[in-house]
PDB file of all heavy atoms in Angstrom:
ATOM      1  N   GLU A   1      -5.410  24.782  -3.465  1.00  0.00           N
ATOM      2  CA  GLU A   1      -5.458  25.208  -4.854  1.00  0.00           C
ATOM      3  C   GLU A   1      -6.902  25.246  -5.337  1.00  0.00           C
ATOM      4  O   GLU A   1      -7.679  24.315  -5.086  1.00  0.00           O
ATOM      5  CB  GLU A   1      -4.646  24.265  -5.737  1.00  0.00           C
ATOM      6  CG  GLU A   1      -3.162  24.225  -5.380  1.00  0.00           C
ATOM      7  CD  GLU A   1      -2.392  23.249  -6.241  1.00  0.00           C
ATOM      8  OE1 GLU A   1      -2.989  22.715  -7.208  1.00  0.00           O
ATOM      9  OE2 GLU A   1      -1.205  23.012  -5.959  1.00  0.00           O
ATOM     10  N   ALA A   2      -7.269  26.311  -6.051  1.00  0.00           N
ATOM     11  CA  ALA A   2      -8.640  26.484  -6.525  1.00  0.00           C
ATOM     12  C   ALA A   2      -9.070  25.332  -7.433  1.00  0.00           C
ATOM     13  O   ALA A   2     -10.221  24.883  -7.391  1.00  0.00           O
ATOM     14  CB  ALA A   2      -8.771  27.818  -7.259  1.00  0.00           C
ATOM     15  N   SER A   3      -8.146  24.825  -8.241  1.00  0.00           N
ATOM     16  CA  SER A   3      -8.494  23.751  -9.177  1.00  0.00           C
ATOM     17  C   SER A   3      -8.904  22.476  -8.444  1.00  0.00           C
ATOM     18  O   SER A   3      -9.830  21.770  -8.859  1.00  0.00           O
ATOM     19  CB  SER A   3      -7.308  23.460 -10.105  1.00  0.00           C
ATOM     20  OG  SER A   3      -6.160  23.093  -9.360  1.00  0.00           O
ATOM     21  N   ARG A   4      -8.209  22.173  -7.333  1.00  0.00           N
ATOM     22  CA  ARG A   4      -8.553  20.980  -6.560  1.00  0.00           C
ATOM     23  C   ARG A   4      -9.931  21.136  -5.905  1.00  0.00           C
ATOM     24  O   ARG A   4     -10.733  20.205  -5.882  1.00  0.00           O
ATOM     25  CB  ARG A   4      -7.492  20.711  -5.490  1.00  0.00           C
ATOM     26  CG  ARG A   4      -6.152  20.235  -6.033  1.00  0.00           C
ATOM     27  CD  ARG A   4      -5.230  19.842  -4.884  1.00  0.00           C
ATOM     28  NE  ARG A   4      -3.915  19.463  -5.343  1.00  0.00           N
ATOM     29  CZ  ARG A   4      -3.578  18.229  -5.739  1.00  0.00           C
ATOM     30  NH1 ARG A   4      -4.491  17.280  -5.749  1.00  0.00           N
ATOM     31  NH2 ARG A   4      -2.342  17.964  -6.113  1.00  0.00           N
ATOM     32  N   VAL A   5     -10.171  22.314  -5.343  1.00  0.00           N
ATOM     33  CA  VAL A   5     -11.465  22.559  -4.703  1.00  0.00           C
ATOM     34  C   VAL A   5     -12.593  22.443  -5.725  1.00  0.00           C
ATOM     35  O   VAL A   5     -13.641  21.832  -5.462  1.00  0.00           O
ATOM     36  CB  VAL A   5     -11.485  23.949  -4.031  1.00  0.00           C
ATOM     37  CG1 VAL A   5     -12.854  24.242  -3.451  1.00  0.00           C
ATOM     38  CG2 VAL A   5     -10.422  24.019  -2.934  1.00  0.00           C
ATOM     39  N   TRP A   6     -12.387  23.017  -6.906  1.00  0.00           N
ATOM     40  CA  TRP A   6     -13.422  22.981  -7.933  1.00  0.00           C
ATOM     41  C   TRP A   6     -13.697  21.546  -8.393  1.00  0.00           C
ATOM     42  O   TRP A   6     -14.838  21.176  -8.659  1.00  0.00           O
ATOM     43  CB  TRP A   6     -13.006  23.847  -9.125  1.00  0.00           C
ATOM     44  CG  TRP A   6     -14.033  23.910 -10.210  1.00  0.00           C
ATOM     45  CD1 TRP A   6     -14.006  23.301 -11.437  1.00  0.00           C
ATOM     46  CD2 TRP A   6     -15.284  24.611 -10.155  1.00  0.00           C
ATOM     47  NE1 TRP A   6     -15.132  23.576 -12.151  1.00  0.00           N
ATOM     48  CE2 TRP A   6     -15.947  24.392 -11.393  1.00  0.00           C
ATOM     49  CE3 TRP A   6     -15.897  25.415  -9.195  1.00  0.00           C
ATOM     50  CZ2 TRP A   6     -17.195  24.935 -11.679  1.00  0.00           C
ATOM     51  CZ3 TRP A   6     -17.144  25.954  -9.482  1.00  0.00           C
ATOM     52  CH2 TRP A   6     -17.775  25.719 -10.707  1.00  0.00           C
ATOM     53  N   ALA A   7     -12.635  20.732  -8.450  1.00  0.00           N
ATOM     54  CA  ALA A   7     -12.798  19.343  -8.897  1.00  0.00           C
ATOM     55  C   ALA A   7     -13.598  18.504  -7.909  1.00  0.00           C
ATOM     56  O   ALA A   7     -14.152  17.463  -8.281  1.00  0.00           O
ATOM     57  CB  ALA A   7     -11.426  18.716  -9.125  1.00  0.00           C
ATOM     58  N   THR A   8     -13.688  18.936  -6.671  1.00  0.00           N
ATOM     59  CA  THR A   8     -14.403  18.162  -5.636  1.00  0.00           C
ATOM     60  C   THR A   8     -15.538  18.973  -5.020  1.00  0.00           C
ATOM     61  O   THR A   8     -15.922  18.728  -3.887  1.00  0.00           O
ATOM     62  CB  THR A   8     -13.417  17.731  -4.535  1.00  0.00           C
ATOM     63  OG1 THR A   8     -12.809  18.903  -3.979  1.00  0.00           O
ATOM     64  CG2 THR A   8     -12.336  16.816  -5.074  1.00  0.00           C
ATOM     65  N   LYS A   9     -16.081  19.925  -5.789  1.00  0.00           N
ATOM     66  CA  LYS A   9     -17.058  20.864  -5.211  1.00  0.00           C
ATOM     67  C   LYS A   9     -18.303  20.168  -4.680  1.00  0.00           C
ATOM     68  O   LYS A   9     -18.916  20.635  -3.715  1.00  0.00           O
ATOM     69  CB  LYS A   9     -17.451  21.921  -6.239  1.00  0.00           C
ATOM     70  CG  LYS A   9     -18.051  21.387  -7.533  1.00  0.00           C
ATOM     71  CD  LYS A   9     -18.299  22.525  -8.505  1.00  0.00           C
ATOM     72  CE  LYS A   9     -18.948  22.036  -9.797  1.00  0.00           C
ATOM     73  NZ  LYS A   9     -18.096  21.087 -10.546  1.00  0.00           N
ATOM     74  N   LYS A  10     -18.695  19.041  -5.262  1.00  0.00           N
ATOM     75  CA  LYS A  10     -19.926  18.387  -4.803  1.00  0.00           C
ATOM     76  C   LYS A  10     -19.764  17.767  -3.413  1.00  0.00           C
ATOM     77  O   LYS A  10     -20.749  17.479  -2.729  1.00  0.00           O
ATOM     78  CB  LYS A  10     -20.381  17.335  -5.807  1.00  0.00           C
ATOM     79  CG  LYS A  10     -19.549  16.065  -5.826  1.00  0.00           C
ATOM     80  CD  LYS A  10     -20.212  15.027  -6.727  1.00  0.00           C
ATOM     81  CE  LYS A  10     -19.483  13.699  -6.694  1.00  0.00           C
ATOM     82  NZ  LYS A  10     -20.157  12.659  -7.498  1.00  0.00           N
ATOM     83  N   TYR A  11     -18.499  17.555  -2.990  1.00  0.00           N
ATOM     84  CA  TYR A  11     -18.254  16.982  -1.669  1.00  0.00           C
ATOM     85  C   TYR A  11     -18.089  18.039  -0.584  1.00  0.00           C
ATOM     86  O   TYR A  11     -18.000  17.701   0.604  1.00  0.00           O
ATOM     87  CB  TYR A  11     -16.994  16.105  -1.692  1.00  0.00           C
ATOM     88  CG  TYR A  11     -17.024  14.997  -2.708  1.00  0.00           C
ATOM     89  CD1 TYR A  11     -16.120  14.981  -3.770  1.00  0.00           C
ATOM     90  CD2 TYR A  11     -17.944  13.959  -2.621  1.00  0.00           C
ATOM     91  CE1 TYR A  11     -16.135  13.960  -4.711  1.00  0.00           C
ATOM     92  CE2 TYR A  11     -17.977  12.940  -3.553  1.00  0.00           C
ATOM     93  CZ  TYR A  11     -17.075  12.948  -4.609  1.00  0.00           C
ATOM     94  OH  TYR A  11     -17.100  11.945  -5.532  1.00  0.00           O
ATOM     95  N   LEU A  12     -17.997  19.310  -0.957  1.00  0.00           N
ATOM     96  CA  LEU A  12     -17.664  20.356   0.011  1.00  0.00           C
ATOM     97  C   LEU A  12     -18.640  20.424   1.184  1.00  0.00           C
ATOM     98  O   LEU A  12     -18.205  20.518   2.342  1.00  0.00           O
ATOM     99  CB  LEU A  12     -17.572  21.716  -0.688  1.00  0.00           C
ATOM    100  CG  LEU A  12     -16.411  21.885  -1.679  1.00  0.00           C
ATOM    101  CD1 LEU A  12     -16.374  23.308  -2.222  1.00  0.00           C
ATOM    102  CD2 LEU A  12     -15.081  21.542  -1.029  1.00  0.00           C
ATOM    103  N   PRO A  13     -19.975  20.395   0.957  1.00  0.00           N
ATOM    104  CA  PRO A  13     -20.884  20.438   2.120  1.00  0.00           C
ATOM    105  C   PRO A  13     -20.646  19.295   3.105  1.00  0.00           C
ATOM    106  O   PRO A  13     -20.666  19.499   4.326  1.00  0.00           O
ATOM    107  CB  PRO A  13     -22.282  20.349   1.487  1.00  0.00           C
ATOM    108  CG  PRO A  13     -22.106  20.872   0.097  1.00  0.00           C
ATOM    109  CD  PRO A  13     -20.734  20.416  -0.311  1.00  0.00           C
ATOM    110  N   SER A  14     -20.404  18.095   2.583  1.00  0.00           N
ATOM    111  CA  SER A  14     -20.165  16.945   3.458  1.00  0.00           C
ATOM    112  C   SER A  14     -18.848  17.100   4.226  1.00  0.00           C
ATOM    113  O   SER A  14     -18.774  16.748   5.413  1.00  0.00           O
ATOM    114  CB  SER A  14     -20.119  15.647   2.628  1.00  0.00           C
ATOM    115  OG  SER A  14     -21.345  15.426   1.969  1.00  0.00           O
ATOM    116  N   ILE A  15     -17.832  17.623   3.554  1.00  0.00           N
ATOM    117  CA  ILE A  15     -16.546  17.825   4.218  1.00  0.00           C
ATOM    118  C   ILE A  15     -16.685  18.826   5.356  1.00  0.00           C
ATOM    119  O   ILE A  15     -16.203  18.608   6.474  1.00  0.00           O
ATOM    120  CB  ILE A  15     -15.482  18.296   3.211  1.00  0.00           C
ATOM    121  CG1 ILE A  15     -15.220  17.211   2.161  1.00  0.00           C
ATOM    122  CG2 ILE A  15     -14.187  18.645   3.930  1.00  0.00           C
ATOM    123  CD1 ILE A  15     -14.344  17.679   1.010  1.00  0.00           C
ATOM    124  N   LEU A  16     -17.369  19.945   5.081  1.00  0.00           N
ATOM    125  CA  LEU A  16     -17.544  20.975   6.102  1.00  0.00           C
ATOM    126  C   LEU A  16     -18.400  20.466   7.255  1.00  0.00           C
ATOM    127  O   LEU A  16     -18.102  20.727   8.428  1.00  0.00           O
ATOM    128  CB  LEU A  16     -18.165  22.225   5.480  1.00  0.00           C
ATOM    129  CG  LEU A  16     -17.293  22.924   4.413  1.00  0.00           C
ATOM    130  CD1 LEU A  16     -18.041  24.091   3.798  1.00  0.00           C
ATOM    131  CD2 LEU A  16     -15.979  23.392   5.014  1.00  0.00           C
ATOM    132  N   LEU A  17     -19.465  19.716   6.927  1.00  0.00           N
ATOM    133  CA  LEU A  17     -20.310  19.145   7.980  1.00  0.00           C
ATOM    134  C   LEU A  17     -19.522  18.132   8.805  1.00  0.00           C
ATOM    135  O   LEU A  17     -19.618  18.108  10.047  1.00  0.00           O
ATOM    136  CB  LEU A  17     -21.544  18.484   7.361  1.00  0.00           C
ATOM    137  CG  LEU A  17     -22.523  17.814   8.336  1.00  0.00           C
ATOM    138  CD1 LEU A  17     -23.084  18.840   9.324  1.00  0.00           C
ATOM    139  CD2 LEU A  17     -23.652  17.123   7.579  1.00  0.00           C
ATOM    140  N   GLY A  18     -18.744  17.297   8.137  1.00  0.00           N
ATOM    141  CA  GLY A  18     -17.933  16.315   8.853  1.00  0.00           C
ATOM    142  C   GLY A  18     -16.918  16.971   9.765  1.00  0.00           C
ATOM    143  O   GLY A  18     -16.682  16.505  10.891  1.00  0.00           O
ATOM    144  N   THR A  19     -16.324  18.077   9.303  1.00  0.00           N
ATOM    145  CA  THR A  19     -15.379  18.813  10.147  1.00  0.00           C
ATOM    146  C   THR A  19     -16.078  19.359  11.382  1.00  0.00           C
ATOM    147  O   THR A  19     -15.532  19.310  12.497  1.00  0.00           O
ATOM    148  CB  THR A  19     -14.742  19.966   9.348  1.00  0.00           C
ATOM    149  OG1 THR A  19     -14.042  19.418   8.221  1.00  0.00           O
ATOM    150  CG2 THR A  19     -13.767  20.752  10.211  1.00  0.00           C
ATOM    151  N   GLY A  20     -17.311  19.870  11.196  1.00  0.00           N
ATOM    152  CA  GLY A  20     -18.083  20.364  12.338  1.00  0.00           C
ATOM    153  C   GLY A  20     -18.374  19.259  13.346  1.00  0.00           C
ATOM    154  O   GLY A  20     -18.299  19.482  14.562  1.00  0.00           O
ATOM    155  N   VAL A  21     -18.700  18.064  12.850  1.00  0.00           N
ATOM    156  CA  VAL A  21     -18.962  16.930  13.746  1.00  0.00           C
ATOM    157  C   VAL A  21     -17.694  16.552  14.510  1.00  0.00           C
ATOM    158  O   VAL A  21     -17.740  16.253  15.713  1.00  0.00           O
ATOM    159  CB  VAL A  21     -19.486  15.722  12.936  1.00  0.00           C
ATOM    160  CG1 VAL A  21     -19.571  14.472  13.815  1.00  0.00           C
ATOM    161  CG2 VAL A  21     -20.854  16.034  12.346  1.00  0.00           C
ATOM    162  N   LEU A  22     -16.553  16.581  13.827  1.00  0.00           N
ATOM    163  CA  LEU A  22     -15.286  16.272  14.495  1.00  0.00           C
ATOM    164  C   LEU A  22     -14.977  17.266  15.611  1.00  0.00           C
ATOM    165  O   LEU A  22     -14.558  16.887  16.708  1.00  0.00           O
ATOM    166  CB  LEU A  22     -14.149  16.291  13.474  1.00  0.00           C
ATOM    167  CG  LEU A  22     -13.826  14.983  12.749  1.00  0.00           C
ATOM    168  CD1 LEU A  22     -12.755  15.229  11.695  1.00  0.00           C
ATOM    169  CD2 LEU A  22     -13.375  13.913  13.720  1.00  0.00           C
ATOM    170  N   ILE A  23     -15.200  18.556  15.326  1.00  0.00           N
ATOM    171  CA  ILE A  23     -14.943  19.580  16.340  1.00  0.00           C
ATOM    172  C   ILE A  23     -15.883  19.393  17.527  1.00  0.00           C
ATOM    173  O   ILE A  23     -15.470  19.485  18.692  1.00  0.00           O
ATOM    174  CB  ILE A  23     -15.099  20.989  15.732  1.00  0.00           C
ATOM    175  CG1 ILE A  23     -13.994  21.235  14.697  1.00  0.00           C
ATOM    176  CG2 ILE A  23     -15.038  22.063  16.822  1.00  0.00           C
ATOM    177  CD1 ILE A  23     -14.162  22.510  13.908  1.00  0.00           C
ATOM    178  N   GLY A  24     -17.172  19.107  17.244  1.00  0.00           N
ATOM    179  CA  GLY A  24     -18.124  18.866  18.328  1.00  0.00           C
ATOM    180  C   GLY A  24     -17.748  17.658  19.162  1.00  0.00           C
ATOM    181  O   GLY A  24     -17.847  17.688  20.397  1.00  0.00           O
ATOM    182  N   SER A  25     -17.293  16.585  18.499  1.00  0.00           N
ATOM    183  CA  SER A  25     -16.869  15.382  19.226  1.00  0.00           C
ATOM    184  C   SER A  25     -15.657  15.679  20.108  1.00  0.00           C
ATOM    185  O   SER A  25     -15.558  15.177  21.237  1.00  0.00           O
ATOM    186  CB  SER A  25     -16.530  14.265  18.232  1.00  0.00           C
ATOM    187  OG  SER A  25     -17.628  13.963  17.406  1.00  0.00           O
ATOM    188  N   SER A  26     -14.754  16.500  19.598  1.00  0.00           N
ATOM    189  CA  SER A  26     -13.578  16.869  20.383  1.00  0.00           C
ATOM    190  C   SER A  26     -13.966  17.676  21.616  1.00  0.00           C
ATOM    191  O   SER A  26     -13.379  17.508  22.687  1.00  0.00           O
ATOM    192  CB  SER A  26     -12.610  17.684  19.512  1.00  0.00           C
ATOM    193  OG  SER A  26     -12.201  16.940  18.389  1.00  0.00           O
ATOM    194  N   TYR A  27     -14.965  18.525  21.461  1.00  0.00           N
ATOM    195  CA  TYR A  27     -15.429  19.318  22.602  1.00  0.00           C
ATOM    196  C   TYR A  27     -16.025  18.403  23.679  1.00  0.00           C
ATOM    197  O   TYR A  27     -15.784  18.603  24.885  1.00  0.00           O
ATOM    198  CB  TYR A  27     -16.469  20.338  22.147  1.00  0.00           C
ATOM    199  CG  TYR A  27     -17.025  21.176  23.269  1.00  0.00           C
ATOM    200  CD1 TYR A  27     -16.287  22.229  23.807  1.00  0.00           C
ATOM    201  CD2 TYR A  27     -18.281  20.907  23.803  1.00  0.00           C
ATOM    202  CE1 TYR A  27     -16.796  22.991  24.854  1.00  0.00           C
ATOM    203  CE2 TYR A  27     -18.799  21.662  24.846  1.00  0.00           C
ATOM    204  CZ  TYR A  27     -18.047  22.708  25.361  1.00  0.00           C
ATOM    205  OH  TYR A  27     -18.548  23.459  26.395  1.00  0.00           O
ATOM    206  N   VAL A  28     -16.794  17.407  23.263  1.00  0.00           N
ATOM    207  CA  VAL A  28     -17.393  16.459  24.219  1.00  0.00           C
ATOM    208  C   VAL A  28     -16.288  15.726  24.984  1.00  0.00           C
ATOM    209  O   VAL A  28     -16.357  15.577  26.215  1.00  0.00           O
ATOM    210  CB  VAL A  28     -18.307  15.456  23.481  1.00  0.00           C
ATOM    211  CG1 VAL A  28     -18.748  14.337  24.426  1.00  0.00           C
ATOM    212  CG2 VAL A  28     -19.536  16.166  22.922  1.00  0.00           C
ATOM    213  N   MET A  29     -15.258  15.276  24.272  1.00  0.00           N
ATOM    214  CA  MET A  29     -14.170  14.573  24.932  1.00  0.00           C
ATOM    215  C   MET A  29     -13.345  15.514  25.815  1.00  0.00           C
ATOM    216  O   MET A  29     -12.804  15.099  26.836  1.00  0.00           O
ATOM    217  CB  MET A  29     -13.263  13.892  23.898  1.00  0.00           C
ATOM    218  CG  MET A  29     -13.947  12.775  23.127  1.00  0.00           C
ATOM    219  SD  MET A  29     -14.725  11.526  24.196  1.00  0.00           S
ATOM    220  CE  MET A  29     -13.289  10.749  24.909  1.00  0.00           C
ATOM    221  N   ALA A  30     -13.271  16.784  25.428  1.00  0.00           N
ATOM    222  CA  ALA A  30     -12.578  17.765  26.273  1.00  0.00           C
ATOM    223  C   ALA A  30     -13.311  17.953  27.597  1.00  0.00           C
ATOM    224  O   ALA A  30     -12.687  18.102  28.651  1.00  0.00           O
ATOM    225  CB  ALA A  30     -12.456  19.098  25.530  1.00  0.00           C
ATOM    226  N   LEU A  31     -14.643  17.937  27.550  1.00  0.00           N
ATOM    227  CA  LEU A  31     -15.433  18.006  28.789  1.00  0.00           C
ATOM    228  C   LEU A  31     -15.131  16.807  29.689  1.00  0.00           C
ATOM    229  O   LEU A  31     -15.011  16.951  30.911  1.00  0.00           O
ATOM    230  CB  LEU A  31     -16.928  18.040  28.458  1.00  0.00           C
ATOM    231  CG  LEU A  31     -17.498  19.370  27.972  1.00  0.00           C
ATOM    232  CD1 LEU A  31     -18.959  19.179  27.550  1.00  0.00           C
ATOM    233  CD2 LEU A  31     -17.418  20.425  29.075  1.00  0.00           C
ATOM    234  N   PHE A  32     -15.014  15.638  29.067  1.00  0.00           N
ATOM    235  CA  PHE A  32     -14.666  14.427  29.812  1.00  0.00           C
ATOM    236  C   PHE A  32     -13.309  14.601  30.496  1.00  0.00           C
ATOM    237  O   PHE A  32     -13.140  14.293  31.693  1.00  0.00           O
ATOM    238  CB  PHE A  32     -14.641  13.233  28.849  1.00  0.00           C
ATOM    239  CG  PHE A  32     -13.963  12.005  29.387  1.00  0.00           C
ATOM    240  CD1 PHE A  32     -14.618  11.152  30.256  1.00  0.00           C
ATOM    241  CD2 PHE A  32     -12.657  11.694  29.018  1.00  0.00           C
ATOM    242  CE1 PHE A  32     -13.990  10.016  30.765  1.00  0.00           C
ATOM    243  CE2 PHE A  32     -12.021  10.568  29.507  1.00  0.00           C
ATOM    244  CZ  PHE A  32     -12.691   9.724  30.384  1.00  0.00           C
ATOM    245  N   LEU A  33     -12.337  15.104  29.752  1.00  0.00           N
ATOM    246  CA  LEU A  33     -10.994  15.309  30.298  1.00  0.00           C
ATOM    247  C   LEU A  33     -11.023  16.339  31.427  1.00  0.00           C
ATOM    248  O   LEU A  33     -10.342  16.189  32.449  1.00  0.00           O
ATOM    249  CB  LEU A  33     -10.064  15.776  29.177  1.00  0.00           C
ATOM    250  CG  LEU A  33      -8.569  15.863  29.485  1.00  0.00           C
ATOM    251  CD1 LEU A  33      -8.023  14.492  29.847  1.00  0.00           C
ATOM    252  CD2 LEU A  33      -7.815  16.416  28.269  1.00  0.00           C
ATOM    253  N   HIS A  34     -11.816  17.377  31.251  1.00  0.00           N
ATOM    254  CA  HIS A  34     -11.941  18.425  32.266  1.00  0.00           C
ATOM    255  C   HIS A  34     -12.548  17.876  33.557  1.00  0.00           C
ATOM    256  O   HIS A  34     -12.098  18.187  34.662  1.00  0.00           O
ATOM    257  CB  HIS A  34     -12.797  19.559  31.703  1.00  0.00           C
ATOM    258  CG  HIS A  34     -13.109  20.638  32.693  1.00  0.00           C
ATOM    259  ND1 HIS A  34     -12.142  21.481  33.206  1.00  0.00           N
ATOM    260  CD2 HIS A  34     -14.291  21.002  33.281  1.00  0.00           C
ATOM    261  CE1 HIS A  34     -12.711  22.331  34.048  1.00  0.00           C
ATOM    262  NE2 HIS A  34     -14.002  22.057  34.115  1.00  0.00           N
ATOM    263  N   ARG A  35     -13.585  17.055  33.412  1.00  0.00           N
ATOM    264  CA  ARG A  35     -14.270  16.511  34.603  1.00  0.00           C
ATOM    265  C   ARG A  35     -13.417  15.470  35.323  1.00  0.00           C
ATOM    266  O   ARG A  35     -13.389  15.421  36.554  1.00  0.00           O
ATOM    267  CB  ARG A  35     -15.599  15.867  34.174  1.00  0.00           C
ATOM    268  CG  ARG A  35     -16.581  16.849  33.553  1.00  0.00           C
ATOM    269  CD  ARG A  35     -17.354  17.635  34.602  1.00  0.00           C
ATOM    270  NE  ARG A  35     -18.206  18.641  33.989  1.00  0.00           N
ATOM    271  CZ  ARG A  35     -19.412  18.395  33.493  1.00  0.00           C
ATOM    272  NH1 ARG A  35     -19.879  17.158  33.499  1.00  0.00           N
ATOM    273  NH2 ARG A  35     -20.127  19.374  32.978  1.00  0.00           N
ATOM    274  N   ILE A  36     -12.709  14.628  34.576  1.00  0.00           N
ATOM    275  CA  ILE A  36     -11.967  13.527  35.190  1.00  0.00           C
ATOM    276  C   ILE A  36     -10.644  13.999  35.802  1.00  0.00           C
ATOM    277  O   ILE A  36     -10.302  13.643  36.934  1.00  0.00           O
ATOM    278  CB  ILE A  36     -11.696  12.407  34.161  1.00  0.00           C
ATOM    279  CG1 ILE A  36     -13.016  11.831  33.640  1.00  0.00           C
ATOM    280  CG2 ILE A  36     -10.838  11.306  34.784  1.00  0.00           C
ATOM    281  CD1 ILE A  36     -13.870  11.165  34.689  1.00  0.00           C
ATOM    282  N   TYR A  37      -9.897  14.822  35.068  1.00  0.00           N
ATOM    283  CA  TYR A  37      -8.556  15.197  35.497  1.00  0.00           C
ATOM    284  C   TYR A  37      -8.434  16.657  35.922  1.00  0.00           C
ATOM    285  O   TYR A  37      -7.361  17.088  36.358  1.00  0.00           O
ATOM    286  CB  TYR A  37      -7.548  14.921  34.380  1.00  0.00           C
ATOM    287  CG  TYR A  37      -7.377  13.447  34.090  1.00  0.00           C
ATOM    288  CD1 TYR A  37      -7.982  12.867  32.984  1.00  0.00           C
ATOM    289  CD2 TYR A  37      -6.627  12.635  34.938  1.00  0.00           C
ATOM    290  CE1 TYR A  37      -7.835  11.505  32.709  1.00  0.00           C
ATOM    291  CE2 TYR A  37      -6.471  11.284  34.677  1.00  0.00           C
ATOM    292  CZ  TYR A  37      -7.085  10.729  33.564  1.00  0.00           C
ATOM    293  OH  TYR A  37      -6.937   9.392  33.306  1.00  0.00           O
TER     294      TYR A  37
END
């Protein structure tokens, strides 16, 4: 909902950056899974 996003707009850069870090961490662990199994 647009109203919820607007109410938390100052946190949006941190949320997007945190999501990027999570995706990168998942990729690193996927490499581990690929190499081991």
